[in-house]
N, C-alpha and C. Protein backbone atom coordinates (compact mmCIF):
# COMPACT_ATOMS: atom_id res chain seq x y z
N MET A 1 0.79 -1.10 -0.12
CA MET A 1 0.30 -0.27 0.00
C MET A 1 1.40 1.19 -0.05
N ILE A 2 1.24 1.75 -0.57
CA ILE A 2 1.36 3.51 -1.01
C ILE A 2 0.41 4.25 0.03
N SER A 3 2.09 4.18 1.08
CA SER A 3 1.52 5.76 2.01
C SER A 3 0.82 7.23 1.39
N ARG A 4 -0.12 7.67 2.28
CA ARG A 4 -0.28 9.17 1.85
C ARG A 4 -0.56 9.79 2.63
N PRO A 5 1.07 10.33 3.64
CA PRO A 5 1.25 11.03 4.11
C PRO A 5 0.34 12.50 3.90
N PHE A 6 -0.52 12.91 3.24
CA PHE A 6 -0.82 14.46 3.12
C PHE A 6 -2.21 14.20 2.98
N TRP A 7 -2.92 13.31 1.88
CA TRP A 7 -4.32 12.84 2.63
C TRP A 7 -5.21 12.25 4.11
N VAL A 8 -3.94 11.44 4.43
CA VAL A 8 -4.38 11.32 5.75
C VAL A 8 -3.63 12.29 6.68
N GLN A 9 -2.77 13.47 6.72
CA GLN A 9 -3.60 13.88 7.13
C GLN A 9 -4.79 15.96 7.29
N ARG A 10 -5.02 15.65 6.17
CA ARG A 10 -6.08 16.22 5.53
C ARG A 10 -7.75 15.81 6.68
N ILE A 11 -7.74 14.79 6.28
CA ILE A 11 -9.06 13.62 6.88
C ILE A 11 -8.12 13.50 9.09
N GLU A 12 -7.55 13.82 9.02
CA GLU A 12 -8.06 13.91 10.35
C GLU A 12 -7.72 15.21 10.57
N HIS A 13 -7.02 16.75 10.25
CA HIS A 13 -7.91 17.24 9.99
C HIS A 13 -9.18 17.68 10.60
N ALA A 14 -9.97 17.20 9.66
CA ALA A 14 -11.72 17.21 9.15
C ALA A 14 -12.63 16.75 10.53
N TRP A 15 -11.94 15.10 10.83
CA TRP A 15 -11.93 14.68 11.87
C TRP A 15 -12.07 15.96 13.20
N GLN A 16 -11.19 16.54 13.21
CA GLN A 16 -10.93 17.77 14.47
C GLN A 16 -12.26 19.01 13.88
N GLU A 17 -12.15 18.71 13.04
CA GLU A 17 -13.47 19.53 13.43
C GLU A 17 -15.17 19.43 13.15
N ALA A 18 -15.00 18.31 12.19
CA ALA A 18 -16.31 17.94 12.33
C ALA A 18 -16.85 15.82 12.37
N PRO A 19 -17.51 15.36 12.71
CA PRO A 19 -17.13 13.90 13.86
C PRO A 19 -16.95 12.74 12.30
N ILE A 20 -17.43 13.83 10.86
CA ILE A 20 -17.74 12.85 9.95
C ILE A 20 -17.01 13.45 8.82
N ALA A 21 -16.14 12.68 7.60
CA ALA A 21 -15.30 13.02 6.67
C ALA A 21 -15.38 12.30 5.70
N TRP A 22 -16.51 13.13 4.10
CA TRP A 22 -16.57 12.80 3.35
C TRP A 22 -15.54 12.90 2.11
N LEU A 23 -15.62 11.32 1.80
CA LEU A 23 -14.20 10.91 0.40
C LEU A 23 -15.28 10.65 -0.45
N ALA A 24 -14.51 12.10 -1.79
CA ALA A 24 -14.74 11.94 -3.19
C ALA A 24 -13.71 11.40 -3.49
N GLY A 25 -14.23 11.12 -4.77
CA GLY A 25 -13.37 11.11 -6.01
C GLY A 25 -13.70 9.72 -7.52
N VAL A 26 -13.43 9.57 -8.33
CA VAL A 26 -13.57 9.22 -9.27
C VAL A 26 -13.31 7.50 -8.82
N ARG A 27 -14.57 6.21 -9.32
CA ARG A 27 -13.88 4.72 -9.36
C ARG A 27 -12.57 4.27 -9.74
N ARG A 28 -12.36 3.69 -8.17
CA ARG A 28 -10.62 2.77 -8.12
C ARG A 28 -9.32 3.80 -7.97
N SER A 29 -9.78 5.09 -7.42
CA SER A 29 -8.96 6.01 -7.33
C SER A 29 -8.87 6.27 -5.18
N GLY A 30 -8.67 4.53 -4.59
CA GLY A 30 -7.97 4.37 -3.37
C GLY A 30 -8.51 4.60 -3.00
N LYS A 31 -10.11 5.32 -2.31
CA LYS A 31 -11.41 5.52 -1.33
C LYS A 31 -10.83 5.05 -0.15
N THR A 32 -11.29 4.17 -0.80
CA THR A 32 -11.96 2.76 0.76
C THR A 32 -10.46 2.61 1.11
N THR A 33 -9.15 2.24 0.84
CA THR A 33 -7.65 1.71 0.65
C THR A 33 -6.91 3.36 1.74
N LEU A 34 -7.60 4.47 1.52
CA LEU A 34 -6.84 5.90 1.77
C LEU A 34 -8.11 5.45 3.90
N ALA A 35 -9.27 5.23 3.74
CA ALA A 35 -10.12 5.40 4.84
C ALA A 35 -9.39 4.11 5.61
N HIS A 36 -9.15 2.73 5.18
CA HIS A 36 -9.32 1.66 6.37
C HIS A 36 -7.60 2.41 6.54
N SER A 37 -6.99 3.20 5.83
CA SER A 37 -5.20 3.65 6.69
C SER A 37 -4.82 4.31 7.90
N VAL A 38 -6.44 5.07 7.73
CA VAL A 38 -6.59 6.20 8.43
C VAL A 38 -7.55 5.30 9.77
N CYS A 39 -8.18 4.61 9.73
CA CYS A 39 -8.40 3.68 10.75
C CYS A 39 -8.70 2.78 10.82
N ASN A 40 -8.54 1.94 12.00
CA ASN A 40 -9.63 0.73 12.03
C ASN A 40 -11.16 0.43 11.57
N PRO A 41 -11.82 0.11 9.96
CA PRO A 41 -12.99 -0.15 10.13
C PRO A 41 -14.23 -0.16 10.82
N GLU A 42 -13.43 -1.28 11.81
CA GLU A 42 -14.56 -2.30 12.61
C GLU A 42 -15.93 -1.16 12.58
N GLY A 43 -16.50 -1.08 12.98
CA GLY A 43 -18.37 -0.81 13.28
C GLY A 43 -18.26 -0.09 11.95
N TRP A 44 -17.65 0.13 10.96
CA TRP A 44 -18.10 1.90 10.63
C TRP A 44 -19.77 1.23 9.26
N ARG A 45 -20.05 2.60 9.59
CA ARG A 45 -21.55 2.14 8.82
C ARG A 45 -21.30 3.60 7.42
N ARG A 46 -21.34 2.29 6.01
CA ARG A 46 -21.11 2.56 4.69
C ARG A 46 -22.12 2.98 3.91
N HIS A 47 -21.90 3.94 3.11
CA HIS A 47 -23.55 3.66 3.40
C HIS A 47 -22.83 4.42 1.29
N ALA A 48 -23.34 3.91 0.62
CA ALA A 48 -23.12 4.07 -1.41
C ALA A 48 -23.63 5.26 -2.04
N ILE A 49 -23.71 6.05 -2.26
CA ILE A 49 -24.55 7.58 -2.78
C ILE A 49 -24.70 7.95 -4.24
N LYS A 50 -25.45 7.26 -4.78
CA LYS A 50 -26.06 7.21 -6.08
C LYS A 50 -26.48 7.90 -7.16
């Protein structure tokens, strides 16, 4: 897995502002992988917006 320190820092900063973070991007761009690298996904609620 590729380390993404810039994006991890942005997500952690966003969580200081609000208890939710929205990851948007094109298909297969690594959104889920990035989310898993930030914290443990156990117990998360996942919503697909179509």
